[in-house]
Amino acid sequence: MNEKRQNLTFDELINKGLAAALLTDITAGIRIMREGGIPPGVISRMFVTPQLRRGTDWKH
C-alpha cells in the first residue's frame, strides 16, 4: 500500500500511534489510535502485518 491516506486526521493519528508504539510501547500506540477513532481492523493491521503499511507511515 503506497497511496497516501485520504483522511489526513487518520494519517496523523496512525503515525502518532506508530511513533508512540516504537518509542514507548505498543499499548501507548494502540491507545492513541483507539482514542482517535481509528477502526480496530486498521489498528490491528498496523501491528500484525506491518508489511501492509503505506510507504508514508512512520518508521523508526
PDB file of N, CA and C in Angstrom:
ATOM      1  N   MET A   1       0.834  -1.173   0.000  1.00  0.00           N
ATOM      2  CA  MET A   1       0.000   0.000   0.000  1.00  0.00           C
ATOM      3  C   MET A   1       0.885   1.244   0.000  1.00  0.00           C
ATOM      4  N   ASN A   2       0.972   1.885  -1.109  1.00  0.00           N
ATOM      5  CA  ASN A   2       1.838   3.048  -1.206  1.00  0.00           C
ATOM      6  C   ASN A   2       1.075   4.352  -1.336  1.00  0.00           C
ATOM      7  N   GLU A   3      -0.238   4.305  -1.472  1.00  0.00           N
ATOM      8  CA  GLU A   3      -1.003   5.534  -1.631  1.00  0.00           C
ATOM      9  C   GLU A   3      -1.176   6.264  -0.302  1.00  0.00           C
ATOM     10  N   LYS A   4      -1.262   7.567  -0.393  1.00  0.00           N
ATOM     11  CA  LYS A   4      -1.469   8.391   0.799  1.00  0.00           C
ATOM     12  C   LYS A   4      -2.914   8.276   1.246  1.00  0.00           C
ATOM     13  N   ARG A   5      -3.132   8.303   2.545  1.00  0.00           N
ATOM     14  CA  ARG A   5      -4.494   8.249   3.073  1.00  0.00           C
ATOM     15  C   ARG A   5      -5.253   9.509   2.684  1.00  0.00           C
ATOM     16  N   GLN A   6      -6.528   9.338   2.385  1.00  0.00           N
ATOM     17  CA  GLN A   6      -7.373  10.478   2.051  1.00  0.00           C
ATOM     18  C   GLN A   6      -7.755  11.269   3.300  1.00  0.00           C
ATOM     19  N   ASN A   7      -7.876  10.586   4.427  1.00  0.00           N
ATOM     20  CA  ASN A   7      -8.250  11.240   5.665  1.00  0.00           C
ATOM     21  C   ASN A   7      -6.969  11.624   6.409  1.00  0.00           C
ATOM     22  N   LEU A   8      -6.617  12.914   6.349  1.00  0.00           N
ATOM     23  CA  LEU A   8      -5.366  13.361   6.948  1.00  0.00           C
ATOM     24  C   LEU A   8      -5.366  13.246   8.459  1.00  0.00           C
ATOM     25  N   THR A   9      -6.535  13.341   9.087  1.00  0.00           N
ATOM     26  CA  THR A   9      -6.603  13.160  10.533  1.00  0.00           C
ATOM     27  C   THR A   9      -6.218  11.727  10.890  1.00  0.00           C
ATOM     28  N   PHE A  10      -6.748  10.755  10.149  1.00  0.00           N
ATOM     29  CA  PHE A  10      -6.379   9.355  10.379  1.00  0.00           C
ATOM     30  C   PHE A  10      -4.892   9.166  10.132  1.00  0.00           C
ATOM     31  N   ASP A  11      -4.367   9.778   9.090  1.00  0.00           N
ATOM     32  CA  ASP A  11      -2.954   9.664   8.767  1.00  0.00           C
ATOM     33  C   ASP A  11      -2.102  10.154   9.937  1.00  0.00           C
ATOM     34  N   GLU A  12      -2.463  11.303  10.489  1.00  0.00           N
ATOM     35  CA  GLU A  12      -1.718  11.859  11.618  1.00  0.00           C
ATOM     36  C   GLU A  12      -1.835  10.975  12.854  1.00  0.00           C
ATOM     37  N   LEU A  13      -3.033  10.481  13.131  1.00  0.00           N
ATOM     38  CA  LEU A  13      -3.240   9.626  14.306  1.00  0.00           C
ATOM     39  C   LEU A  13      -2.492   8.309  14.183  1.00  0.00           C
ATOM     40  N   ILE A  14      -2.521   7.726  13.001  1.00  0.00           N
ATOM     41  CA  ILE A  14      -1.817   6.458  12.803  1.00  0.00           C
ATOM     42  C   ILE A  14      -0.314   6.667  12.962  1.00  0.00           C
ATOM     43  N   ASN A  15       0.220   7.724  12.371  1.00  0.00           N
ATOM     44  CA  ASN A  15       1.648   7.978  12.505  1.00  0.00           C
ATOM     45  C   ASN A  15       2.042   8.314  13.930  1.00  0.00           C
ATOM     46  N   LYS A  16       1.208   9.063  14.631  1.00  0.00           N
ATOM     47  CA  LYS A  16       1.470   9.364  16.039  1.00  0.00           C
ATOM     48  C   LYS A  16       1.438   8.077  16.862  1.00  0.00           C
ATOM     49  N   GLY A  17       0.463   7.203  16.575  1.00  0.00           N
ATOM     50  CA  GLY A  17       0.377   5.926  17.281  1.00  0.00           C
ATOM     51  C   GLY A  17       1.555   5.016  16.996  1.00  0.00           C
ATOM     52  N   LEU A  18       1.990   4.975  15.736  1.00  0.00           N
ATOM     53  CA  LEU A  18       3.153   4.151  15.385  1.00  0.00           C
ATOM     54  C   LEU A  18       4.409   4.668  16.074  1.00  0.00           C
ATOM     55  N   ALA A  19       4.569   5.978  16.100  1.00  0.00           N
ATOM     56  CA  ALA A  19       5.734   6.565  16.768  1.00  0.00           C
ATOM     57  C   ALA A  19       5.715   6.238  18.259  1.00  0.00           C
ATOM     58  N   ALA A  20       4.560   6.391  18.888  1.00  0.00           N
ATOM     59  CA  ALA A  20       4.450   6.073  20.320  1.00  0.00           C
ATOM     60  C   ALA A  20       4.751   4.604  20.569  1.00  0.00           C
ATOM     61  N   ALA A  21       4.252   3.739  19.694  1.00  0.00           N
ATOM     62  CA  ALA A  21       4.488   2.302  19.857  1.00  0.00           C
ATOM     63  C   ALA A  21       5.969   1.966  19.747  1.00  0.00           C
ATOM     64  N   LEU A  22       6.650   2.616  18.822  1.00  0.00           N
ATOM     65  CA  LEU A  22       8.065   2.320  18.624  1.00  0.00           C
ATOM     66  C   LEU A  22       8.953   2.974  19.681  1.00  0.00           C
ATOM     67  N   LEU A  23       8.555   4.144  20.157  1.00  0.00           N
ATOM     68  CA  LEU A  23       9.390   4.866  21.111  1.00  0.00           C
ATOM     69  C   LEU A  23       9.041   4.571  22.569  1.00  0.00           C
ATOM     70  N   THR A  24       7.806   4.168  22.823  1.00  0.00           N
ATOM     71  CA  THR A  24       7.374   3.897  24.194  1.00  0.00           C
ATOM     72  C   THR A  24       7.007   2.421  24.305  1.00  0.00           C
ATOM     73  N   ASP A  25       5.765   2.082  23.926  1.00  0.00           N
ATOM     74  CA  ASP A  25       5.340   0.686  23.865  1.00  0.00           C
ATOM     75  C   ASP A  25       4.086   0.586  22.994  1.00  0.00           C
ATOM     76  N   ILE A  26       3.781  -0.619  22.584  1.00  0.00           N
ATOM     77  CA  ILE A  26       2.651  -0.848  21.678  1.00  0.00           C
ATOM     78  C   ILE A  26       1.338  -0.401  22.309  1.00  0.00           C
ATOM     79  N   THR A  27       1.184  -0.604  23.602  1.00  0.00           N
ATOM     80  CA  THR A  27      -0.050  -0.207  24.273  1.00  0.00           C
ATOM     81  C   THR A  27      -0.318   1.282  24.100  1.00  0.00           C
ATOM     82  N   ALA A  28       0.712   2.095  24.213  1.00  0.00           N
ATOM     83  CA  ALA A  28       0.549   3.543  24.043  1.00  0.00           C
ATOM     84  C   ALA A  28       0.106   3.868  22.622  1.00  0.00           C
ATOM     85  N   GLY A  29       0.695   3.197  21.645  1.00  0.00           N
ATOM     86  CA  GLY A  29       0.313   3.426  20.255  1.00  0.00           C
ATOM     87  C   GLY A  29      -1.119   3.027  19.966  1.00  0.00           C
ATOM     88  N   ILE A  30      -1.514   1.890  20.489  1.00  0.00           N
ATOM     89  CA  ILE A  30      -2.891   1.422  20.301  1.00  0.00           C
ATOM     90  C   ILE A  30      -3.864   2.378  20.960  1.00  0.00           C
ATOM     91  N   ARG A  31      -3.545   2.842  22.147  1.00  0.00           N
ATOM     92  CA  ARG A  31      -4.428   3.759  22.870  1.00  0.00           C
ATOM     93  C   ARG A  31      -4.631   5.065  22.086  1.00  0.00           C
ATOM     94  N   ILE A  32      -3.561   5.614  21.544  1.00  0.00           N
ATOM     95  CA  ILE A  32      -3.664   6.847  20.754  1.00  0.00           C
ATOM     96  C   ILE A  32      -4.573   6.638  19.550  1.00  0.00           C
ATOM     97  N   MET A  33      -4.376   5.539  18.848  1.00  0.00           N
ATOM     98  CA  MET A  33      -5.191   5.266  17.664  1.00  0.00           C
ATOM     99  C   MET A  33      -6.650   5.030  18.049  1.00  0.00           C
ATOM    100  N   ARG A  34      -6.871   4.228  19.072  1.00  0.00           N
ATOM    101  CA  ARG A  34      -8.240   3.909  19.503  1.00  0.00           C
ATOM    102  C   ARG A  34      -8.979   5.171  19.940  1.00  0.00           C
ATOM    103  N   GLU A  35      -8.335   5.996  20.763  1.00  0.00           N
ATOM    104  CA  GLU A  35      -8.971   7.227  21.243  1.00  0.00           C
ATOM    105  C   GLU A  35      -9.234   8.206  20.100  1.00  0.00           C
ATOM    106  N   GLY A  36      -8.456   8.106  19.033  1.00  0.00           N
ATOM    107  CA  GLY A  36      -8.647   8.974  17.877  1.00  0.00           C
ATOM    108  C   GLY A  36      -9.704   8.486  16.913  1.00  0.00           C
ATOM    109  N   GLY A  37     -10.245   7.298  17.178  1.00  0.00           N
ATOM    110  CA  GLY A  37     -11.309   6.782  16.327  1.00  0.00           C
ATOM    111  C   GLY A  37     -10.851   5.940  15.156  1.00  0.00           C
ATOM    112  N   ILE A  38      -9.611   5.479  15.181  1.00  0.00           N
ATOM    113  CA  ILE A  38      -9.133   4.591  14.122  1.00  0.00           C
ATOM    114  C   ILE A  38      -9.851   3.250  14.277  1.00  0.00           C
ATOM    115  N   PRO A  39     -10.407   2.706  13.194  1.00  0.00           N
ATOM    116  CA  PRO A  39     -11.117   1.428  13.291  1.00  0.00           C
ATOM    117  C   PRO A  39     -10.203   0.301  13.808  1.00  0.00           C
ATOM    118  N   PRO A  40     -10.750  -0.598  14.629  1.00  0.00           N
ATOM    119  CA  PRO A  40      -9.953  -1.691  15.194  1.00  0.00           C
ATOM    120  C   PRO A  40      -9.212  -2.521  14.136  1.00  0.00           C
ATOM    121  N   GLY A  41      -9.836  -2.742  12.996  1.00  0.00           N
ATOM    122  CA  GLY A  41      -9.182  -3.523  11.942  1.00  0.00           C
ATOM    123  C   GLY A  41      -7.934  -2.849  11.407  1.00  0.00           C
ATOM    124  N   VAL A  42      -7.962  -1.539  11.326  1.00  0.00           N
ATOM    125  CA  VAL A  42      -6.795  -0.788  10.854  1.00  0.00           C
ATOM    126  C   VAL A  42      -5.692  -0.846  11.904  1.00  0.00           C
ATOM    127  N   ILE A  43      -6.078  -0.675  13.161  1.00  0.00           N
ATOM    128  CA  ILE A  43      -5.091  -0.727  14.242  1.00  0.00           C
ATOM    129  C   ILE A  43      -4.386  -2.079  14.255  1.00  0.00           C
ATOM    130  N   SER A  44      -5.147  -3.148  14.179  1.00  0.00           N
ATOM    131  CA  SER A  44      -4.516  -4.473  14.221  1.00  0.00           C
ATOM    132  C   SER A  44      -3.631  -4.687  13.002  1.00  0.00           C
ATOM    133  N   ARG A  45      -4.059  -4.212  11.847  1.00  0.00           N
ATOM    134  CA  ARG A  45      -3.230  -4.363  10.639  1.00  0.00           C
ATOM    135  C   ARG A  45      -1.893  -3.633  10.794  1.00  0.00           C
ATOM    136  N   MET A  46      -1.894  -2.494  11.451  1.00  0.00           N
ATOM    137  CA  MET A  46      -0.656  -1.725  11.633  1.00  0.00           C
ATOM    138  C   MET A  46       0.390  -2.522  12.410  1.00  0.00           C
ATOM    139  N   PHE A  47      -0.073  -3.331  13.359  1.00  0.00           N
ATOM    140  CA  PHE A  47       0.867  -4.044  14.219  1.00  0.00           C
ATOM    141  C   PHE A  47       1.052  -5.511  13.839  1.00  0.00           C
ATOM    142  N   VAL A  48       0.022  -6.139  13.303  1.00  0.00           N
ATOM    143  CA  VAL A  48       0.115  -7.564  12.974  1.00  0.00           C
ATOM    144  C   VAL A  48       0.778  -7.781  11.616  1.00  0.00           C
ATOM    145  N   THR A  49       0.477  -6.918  10.670  1.00  0.00           N
ATOM    146  CA  THR A  49       1.047  -7.060   9.319  1.00  0.00           C
ATOM    147  C   THR A  49       1.698  -5.751   8.874  1.00  0.00           C
ATOM    148  N   PRO A  50       2.841  -5.409   9.470  1.00  0.00           N
ATOM    149  CA  PRO A  50       3.490  -4.143   9.134  1.00  0.00           C
ATOM    150  C   PRO A  50       3.888  -4.026   7.662  1.00  0.00           C
ATOM    151  N   GLN A  51       4.027  -5.143   6.981  1.00  0.00           N
ATOM    152  CA  GLN A  51       4.372  -5.096   5.559  1.00  0.00           C
ATOM    153  C   GLN A  51       3.254  -4.490   4.717  1.00  0.00           C
ATOM    154  N   LEU A  52       2.050  -4.384   5.272  1.00  0.00           N
ATOM    155  CA  LEU A  52       0.925  -3.780   4.552  1.00  0.00           C
ATOM    156  C   LEU A  52       0.774  -2.283   4.832  1.00  0.00           C
ATOM    157  N   ARG A  53       1.674  -1.733   5.637  1.00  0.00           N
ATOM    158  CA  ARG A  53       1.603  -0.297   5.916  1.00  0.00           C
ATOM    159  C   ARG A  53       1.909   0.497   4.650  1.00  0.00           C
ATOM    160  N   ARG A  54       1.412   1.690   4.606  1.00  0.00           N
ATOM    161  CA  ARG A  54       1.677   2.576   3.486  1.00  0.00           C
ATOM    162  C   ARG A  54       3.115   3.080   3.565  1.00  0.00           C
ATOM    163  N   GLY A  55       3.647   3.442   2.434  1.00  0.00           N
ATOM    164  CA  GLY A  55       5.008   3.963   2.394  1.00  0.00           C
ATOM    165  C   GLY A  55       5.176   5.264   3.163  1.00  0.00           C
ATOM    166  N   THR A  56       4.083   5.960   3.415  1.00  0.00           N
ATOM    167  CA  THR A  56       4.135   7.218   4.137  1.00  0.00           C
ATOM    168  C   THR A  56       4.015   7.046   5.645  1.00  0.00           C
ATOM    169  N   ASP A  57       3.798   5.816   6.123  1.00  0.00           N
ATOM    170  CA  ASP A  57       3.650   5.575   7.555  1.00  0.00           C
ATOM    171  C   ASP A  57       4.995   5.756   8.272  1.00  0.00           C
ATOM    172  N   TRP A  58       4.909   6.211   9.512  1.00  0.00           N
ATOM    173  CA  TRP A  58       6.104   6.494  10.315  1.00  0.00           C
ATOM    174  C   TRP A  58       6.916   5.236  10.520  1.00  0.00           C
ATOM    175  N   LYS A  59       8.219   5.386  10.411  1.00  0.00           N
ATOM    176  CA  LYS A  59       9.147   4.260  10.635  1.00  0.00           C
ATOM    177  C   LYS A  59      10.255   4.728  11.561  1.00  0.00           C
ATOM    178  N   HIS A  60      10.862   3.793  12.240  1.00  0.00           N
ATOM    179  CA  HIS A  60      11.976   4.161  13.109  1.00  0.00           C
ATOM    180  C   HIS A  60      13.280   4.100  12.350  1.00  0.00           C
TER     181      HIS A  60
END
